[in-house]
Amino acid sequence: MSVKTADTIENMNEPRLRINWKTQRTAYLFLLPALVLFALICWYPIFKTILFSFQEVSLQGVRGWVGFENYKRMLGNPVFYTVWRNTLNYVLLSIAMGSMVPIVLALMINEMRRLSSFFQTLVYLPVLIPVVVALIVWRQIYAPEGGILNGLLGIFGIEPQLWLQNPALAKPAIVVIMTWLGAGGTVLIYLSGLREIPPELYEAAELDGFSVLKRIWLITLPHLSARIKIMLVLQIIFVSQVFTEPFILTAGGPANSTRSPVLEIYDTAFNQNNFGIASAWSVSMLVILAAFSILYVFMQKKHQEV
């Protein structure tokens, strides 16, 4: 008999750790109310939404089953493809703007010897401002006449722009606001990662004559790569659910150029009084965002293992 076989038999003969359900009963009883509350708040609405997506539902109540008719009408609506194309544009623009800006700000603040705490607070401040209040201010900044931004452009002899009324400019203008509102939290996450990098690495790189850009490329970014990937997935999830900015600033216009899936769900449910199709929209979003959520959990677990 080989040593490996003997070890296997010995391990099989060892008593296995078993959970004594009787002794754990009290713990599970204490946990039960929280589980029931979680199911009512989270899982029950999801179940009802999926159910409504196969029914004709309005504010007057459920009128009956329609099978996949709501999904057929959703897919047959040209707005469906416009909305998801807008979402893709939102995501790409936010990756271009919203991914680089927090990294650059974190690197700049991390290099400061003085006033570092002040600038951390300053960068995080937009997160604390109510979104509606911030959007009203930004609407004044983007105003075609008397707006701050067009006023600054006028100093340099540039003609005023229709920032929220031009389909080509409306989405980038909204993404700028989203970046301004959300960059603060991301900057703090990157700062925590930067301060975990051993300073000896930078000292050795400086002795070897590495430039600042080379140190960032070879030392800083590799150490931040896990955080950057996780924040990128979270950014895609959050940007795909954009609602408040286009709702308040453009109402989905001009020409549906800023319309988002959540805004379409709101309009279908409360303006068109068709909760069945709105539920079908919600289920389509659930499937897409669930895929990114699973990816986020996988990446988070992998990061913790490292």
Protein backbone atom coordinates (compact mmCIF):
# COMPACT_ATOMS: atom_id res chain seq x y z
CA MET A 1 0.00 0.00 0.00
CA SER A 2 1.43 3.38 -0.96
CA VAL A 3 1.85 6.24 1.49
CA LYS A 4 -0.73 8.30 -0.45
CA THR A 5 -3.33 5.52 -0.21
CA ALA A 6 -2.66 5.08 3.50
CA ASP A 7 -3.10 8.80 4.11
CA THR A 8 -6.36 8.76 2.17
CA ILE A 9 -7.76 5.87 4.24
CA GLU A 10 -6.63 7.59 7.44
CA ASN A 11 -8.37 10.80 6.42
CA MET A 12 -11.55 8.87 5.61
CA ASN A 13 -11.52 7.33 9.08
CA GLU A 14 -11.17 10.72 10.78
CA PRO A 15 -14.45 12.09 12.15
CA ARG A 16 -15.83 14.83 9.91
CA LEU A 17 -16.96 18.13 11.26
CA ARG A 18 -20.75 18.14 11.27
CA ILE A 19 -23.09 20.98 11.95
CA ASN A 20 -25.35 20.27 14.88
CA TRP A 21 -28.59 21.84 13.73
CA LYS A 22 -30.17 21.53 17.17
CA THR A 23 -27.50 23.68 18.83
CA GLN A 24 -27.61 26.16 15.92
CA ARG A 25 -31.39 26.49 16.03
CA THR A 26 -31.36 29.60 18.21
CA ALA A 27 -28.93 31.38 15.90
CA TYR A 28 -31.07 30.63 12.85
CA LEU A 29 -34.21 31.79 14.66
CA PHE A 30 -32.54 35.15 15.33
CA LEU A 31 -31.49 35.31 11.68
CA LEU A 32 -34.94 34.42 10.33
CA PRO A 33 -36.61 37.88 10.74
CA ALA A 34 -33.75 39.56 8.85
CA LEU A 35 -33.99 36.98 6.05
CA VAL A 36 -37.76 37.43 5.79
CA LEU A 37 -37.39 41.23 5.70
CA PHE A 38 -34.67 40.95 3.05
CA ALA A 39 -36.86 38.67 0.94
CA LEU A 40 -39.82 41.08 1.20
CA ILE A 41 -37.77 44.15 0.33
CA CYS A 42 -35.52 42.67 -2.38
CA TRP A 43 -36.74 39.38 -3.79
CA TYR A 44 -40.51 39.96 -3.72
CA PRO A 45 -40.35 43.10 -5.94
CA ILE A 46 -38.09 41.24 -8.39
CA PHE A 47 -40.52 38.32 -8.50
CA LYS A 48 -43.51 40.66 -9.03
CA THR A 49 -41.67 42.55 -11.79
CA ILE A 50 -40.96 39.32 -13.65
CA LEU A 51 -44.61 38.32 -13.16
CA PHE A 52 -45.90 41.69 -14.43
CA SER A 53 -43.72 41.40 -17.55
CA PHE A 54 -46.03 38.58 -18.73
CA GLN A 55 -49.24 40.45 -17.88
CA GLU A 56 -51.17 43.51 -18.99
CA VAL A 57 -50.86 45.83 -16.01
CA SER A 58 -51.92 49.43 -15.47
CA LEU A 59 -52.79 51.64 -12.51
CA GLN A 60 -56.25 50.09 -12.62
CA GLY A 61 -54.79 46.65 -11.91
CA VAL A 62 -53.90 43.41 -13.69
CA ARG A 63 -56.07 42.73 -16.75
CA GLY A 64 -54.73 39.31 -17.67
CA TRP A 65 -51.87 37.25 -19.06
CA VAL A 66 -50.33 38.25 -22.38
CA GLY A 67 -47.38 35.84 -22.51
CA PHE A 68 -44.38 37.30 -24.33
CA GLU A 69 -46.41 40.09 -25.94
CA ASN A 70 -44.80 42.77 -23.74
CA TYR A 71 -41.34 41.60 -24.77
CA LYS A 72 -42.35 41.56 -28.46
CA ARG A 73 -43.67 45.11 -28.22
CA MET A 74 -40.55 46.21 -26.37
CA LEU A 75 -38.23 44.70 -28.99
CA GLY A 76 -40.40 46.04 -31.82
CA ASN A 77 -40.11 49.59 -30.53
CA PRO A 78 -37.30 51.53 -32.28
CA VAL A 79 -36.69 53.38 -29.02
CA PHE A 80 -35.38 50.11 -27.51
CA TYR A 81 -32.33 50.15 -29.77
CA THR A 82 -31.90 53.93 -29.44
CA VAL A 83 -31.89 53.68 -25.66
CA TRP A 84 -29.32 50.89 -25.50
CA ARG A 85 -27.15 52.67 -28.08
CA ASN A 86 -27.31 55.74 -25.84
CA THR A 87 -26.33 53.57 -22.88
CA LEU A 88 -23.31 52.24 -24.76
CA ASN A 89 -22.30 55.81 -25.58
CA TYR A 90 -22.78 56.82 -21.94
CA VAL A 91 -20.55 53.93 -20.83
CA LEU A 92 -17.80 54.66 -23.37
CA LEU A 93 -17.79 58.37 -22.58
CA SER A 94 -17.79 57.74 -18.83
CA ILE A 95 -14.89 55.30 -19.19
CA ALA A 96 -12.94 57.89 -21.19
CA MET A 97 -13.67 60.70 -18.72
CA GLY A 98 -14.67 59.07 -15.46
CA SER A 99 -11.85 56.52 -15.33
CA MET A 100 -8.93 58.85 -16.02
CA VAL A 101 -10.01 61.85 -13.95
CA PRO A 102 -10.08 60.05 -10.54
CA ILE A 103 -6.70 58.40 -11.21
CA VAL A 104 -5.08 61.73 -12.14
CA LEU A 105 -6.62 63.49 -9.12
CA ALA A 106 -5.53 60.68 -6.78
CA LEU A 107 -1.96 60.84 -8.11
CA MET A 108 -1.84 64.62 -7.70
CA ILE A 109 -3.23 64.57 -4.14
CA ASN A 110 -0.94 61.70 -3.16
CA GLU A 111 2.12 63.76 -4.20
CA MET A 112 1.10 66.71 -2.03
CA ARG A 113 2.97 67.20 1.21
CA ARG A 114 0.68 69.96 2.41
CA LEU A 115 -3.04 70.57 2.05
CA SER A 116 -3.61 66.91 1.10
CA SER A 117 -6.59 66.61 3.49
CA PHE A 118 -8.04 69.88 2.19
CA PHE A 119 -7.98 68.72 -1.43
CA GLN A 120 -9.40 65.31 -0.47
CA THR A 121 -12.35 67.11 1.13
CA LEU A 122 -12.66 69.45 -1.85
CA VAL A 123 -12.74 66.56 -4.33
CA TYR A 124 -15.27 64.61 -2.24
CA LEU A 125 -17.54 67.62 -1.69
CA PRO A 126 -19.71 67.09 -4.84
CA VAL A 127 -20.73 63.67 -3.47
CA LEU A 128 -22.33 65.42 -0.47
CA ILE A 129 -24.36 67.88 -2.55
CA PRO A 130 -27.95 66.77 -3.31
CA VAL A 131 -28.07 65.66 -6.94
CA VAL A 132 -31.11 67.77 -7.83
CA VAL A 133 -29.49 70.93 -6.44
CA ALA A 134 -26.27 70.19 -8.33
CA LEU A 135 -28.16 69.63 -11.59
CA ILE A 136 -30.03 72.92 -11.26
CA VAL A 137 -26.67 74.69 -10.90
CA TRP A 138 -25.24 72.82 -13.90
CA ARG A 139 -28.28 73.73 -15.96
CA GLN A 140 -27.43 77.37 -15.35
CA ILE A 141 -23.80 76.69 -16.29
CA TYR A 142 -24.92 75.12 -19.59
CA ALA A 143 -27.61 77.74 -20.31
CA PRO A 144 -27.49 78.95 -23.97
CA GLU A 145 -27.96 82.58 -22.92
CA GLY A 146 -26.26 83.93 -19.84
CA GLY A 147 -24.67 80.58 -19.00
CA ILE A 148 -21.29 80.58 -17.27
CA LEU A 149 -19.69 78.21 -19.78
CA ASN A 150 -20.78 80.17 -22.85
CA GLY A 151 -19.68 83.35 -21.08
CA LEU A 152 -16.17 81.91 -20.68
CA LEU A 153 -16.12 80.84 -24.33
CA GLY A 154 -17.18 84.35 -25.35
CA ILE A 155 -14.03 85.77 -23.74
CA PHE A 156 -11.98 83.79 -26.26
CA GLY A 157 -14.23 84.74 -29.17
CA ILE A 158 -15.94 81.34 -29.41
CA GLU A 159 -19.64 81.31 -30.30
CA PRO A 160 -22.08 80.09 -27.62
CA GLN A 161 -23.05 76.43 -27.80
CA LEU A 162 -26.36 74.66 -27.19
CA TRP A 163 -24.90 72.23 -24.67
CA LEU A 164 -28.13 70.46 -23.71
CA GLN A 165 -30.12 71.20 -26.86
CA ASN A 166 -27.63 69.76 -29.39
CA PRO A 167 -27.80 65.93 -29.77
CA ALA A 168 -24.04 65.81 -30.39
CA LEU A 169 -23.20 67.72 -27.19
CA ALA A 170 -25.93 66.66 -24.76
CA LYS A 171 -24.51 63.24 -23.82
CA PRO A 172 -20.92 64.47 -23.25
CA ALA A 173 -22.32 67.37 -21.20
CA ILE A 174 -24.25 64.94 -18.99
CA VAL A 175 -21.23 62.62 -18.61
CA VAL A 176 -19.14 65.59 -17.42
CA ILE A 177 -21.69 66.16 -14.66
CA MET A 178 -21.77 62.46 -13.75
CA THR A 179 -17.96 62.44 -13.53
CA TRP A 180 -17.99 65.55 -11.34
CA LEU A 181 -20.60 64.03 -9.03
CA GLY A 182 -19.01 60.59 -8.69
CA ALA A 183 -15.26 61.13 -8.90
CA GLY A 184 -14.80 61.96 -5.20
CA GLY A 185 -15.48 58.49 -3.84
CA THR A 186 -13.33 56.85 -6.51
CA VAL A 187 -10.44 59.20 -5.73
CA LEU A 188 -10.48 58.14 -2.07
CA ILE A 189 -10.44 54.46 -3.06
CA TYR A 190 -7.44 55.03 -5.33
CA LEU A 191 -5.69 57.06 -2.63
CA SER A 192 -6.00 54.17 -0.18
CA GLY A 193 -4.38 51.93 -2.80
CA LEU A 194 -1.58 54.42 -3.47
CA ARG A 195 -0.70 54.58 0.21
CA GLU A 196 -0.33 50.81 0.34
CA ILE A 197 2.52 50.90 -2.20
CA PRO A 198 5.89 50.49 -0.41
CA PRO A 199 7.87 53.76 -0.72
CA GLU A 200 11.04 51.69 -1.21
CA LEU A 201 9.86 50.88 -4.74
CA TYR A 202 9.74 54.56 -5.67
CA GLU A 203 13.10 55.21 -4.02
CA ALA A 204 14.72 52.37 -5.98
CA ALA A 205 13.12 53.59 -9.22
CA GLU A 206 14.36 57.12 -8.56
CA LEU A 207 17.90 55.84 -7.99
CA ASP A 208 17.67 53.97 -11.30
CA GLY A 209 16.82 57.24 -13.04
CA PHE A 210 13.15 56.49 -13.81
CA SER A 211 11.10 59.49 -14.88
CA VAL A 212 7.82 60.33 -13.14
CA LEU A 213 5.75 58.88 -15.99
CA LYS A 214 7.83 55.71 -16.01
CA ARG A 215 7.37 55.27 -12.25
CA ILE A 216 3.62 55.70 -12.66
CA TRP A 217 3.51 53.21 -15.55
CA LEU A 218 5.73 50.53 -13.99
CA ILE A 219 4.90 50.85 -10.28
CA THR A 220 1.74 52.82 -9.57
CA LEU A 221 -0.68 51.53 -12.19
CA PRO A 222 0.20 47.81 -11.71
CA HIS A 223 -0.49 48.16 -7.97
CA LEU A 224 -3.80 49.91 -8.69
CA SER A 225 -4.84 47.56 -11.51
CA ALA A 226 -7.16 45.41 -9.36
CA ARG A 227 -8.95 48.47 -7.98
CA ILE A 228 -9.19 50.03 -11.44
CA LYS A 229 -10.80 46.89 -12.88
CA ILE A 230 -13.33 46.65 -10.04
CA MET A 231 -14.22 50.35 -10.26
CA LEU A 232 -14.58 50.00 -14.03
CA VAL A 233 -17.20 47.26 -13.64
CA LEU A 234 -19.03 49.28 -10.97
CA GLN A 235 -18.95 52.31 -13.24
CA ILE A 236 -20.58 50.35 -16.06
CA ILE A 237 -23.32 49.17 -13.66
CA PHE A 238 -24.02 52.66 -12.31
CA VAL A 239 -23.86 54.48 -15.66
CA SER A 240 -26.26 51.95 -17.23
CA GLN A 241 -28.83 53.05 -14.63
CA VAL A 242 -28.49 56.79 -15.23
CA PHE A 243 -31.82 58.55 -14.71
CA THR A 244 -31.75 61.78 -12.72
CA GLU A 245 -29.40 63.71 -15.01
CA PRO A 246 -31.27 63.19 -18.32
CA PHE A 247 -34.65 63.39 -16.54
CA ILE A 248 -34.00 66.83 -15.06
CA LEU A 249 -31.74 68.35 -17.71
CA THR A 250 -33.11 67.11 -21.04
CA ALA A 251 -36.13 64.85 -20.37
CA GLY A 252 -34.46 62.34 -22.69
CA GLY A 253 -34.06 64.78 -25.55
CA PRO A 254 -33.15 66.24 -27.87
CA ALA A 255 -34.51 63.63 -30.29
CA ASN A 256 -34.09 60.85 -27.67
CA SER A 257 -30.31 61.38 -27.77
CA THR A 258 -29.98 61.24 -23.96
CA ARG A 259 -32.78 58.79 -23.22
CA SER A 260 -31.71 55.97 -20.88
CA PRO A 261 -33.32 52.59 -20.05
CA VAL A 262 -34.45 53.75 -16.59
CA LEU A 263 -35.95 56.92 -18.06
CA GLU A 264 -37.80 54.79 -20.63
CA ILE A 265 -39.09 52.53 -17.82
CA TYR A 266 -40.35 55.58 -15.92
CA ASP A 267 -42.02 57.07 -19.00
CA THR A 268 -43.64 53.76 -20.01
CA ALA A 269 -44.98 53.10 -16.51
CA PHE A 270 -46.15 56.50 -15.31
CA ASN A 271 -46.75 58.52 -18.48
CA GLN A 272 -48.06 55.72 -20.73
CA ASN A 273 -49.67 53.77 -17.84
CA ASN A 274 -48.27 50.46 -19.11
CA PHE A 275 -46.58 48.65 -16.25
CA GLY A 276 -46.40 45.40 -18.21
CA ILE A 277 -44.01 46.72 -20.85
CA ALA A 278 -42.17 48.73 -18.18
CA SER A 279 -41.65 45.47 -16.29
CA ALA A 280 -40.30 43.83 -19.46
CA TRP A 281 -37.82 46.70 -19.72
CA SER A 282 -36.87 46.15 -16.09
CA VAL A 283 -36.27 42.43 -16.64
CA SER A 284 -34.03 43.16 -19.63
CA MET A 285 -32.01 45.52 -17.46
CA LEU A 286 -31.93 42.94 -14.67
CA VAL A 287 -30.39 40.32 -16.96
CA ILE A 288 -27.73 42.67 -18.34
CA LEU A 289 -26.75 44.20 -15.00
CA ALA A 290 -26.77 40.79 -13.29
CA ALA A 291 -24.06 39.67 -15.69
CA PHE A 292 -21.88 42.66 -14.75
CA SER A 293 -22.69 42.14 -11.05
CA ILE A 294 -21.49 38.53 -11.24
CA LEU A 295 -18.32 39.77 -12.95
CA TYR A 296 -17.85 42.31 -10.14
CA VAL A 297 -18.25 39.67 -7.41
CA PHE A 298 -15.79 37.39 -9.21
CA MET A 299 -13.21 40.18 -9.55
CA GLN A 300 -13.71 41.26 -5.93
CA LYS A 301 -13.17 37.70 -4.72
CA LYS A 302 -10.07 37.35 -6.88
CA HIS A 303 -8.72 40.65 -5.52
CA GLN A 304 -9.26 39.50 -1.91
CA GLU A 305 -7.43 36.24 -2.60
CA VAL A 306 -4.45 38.17 -3.93
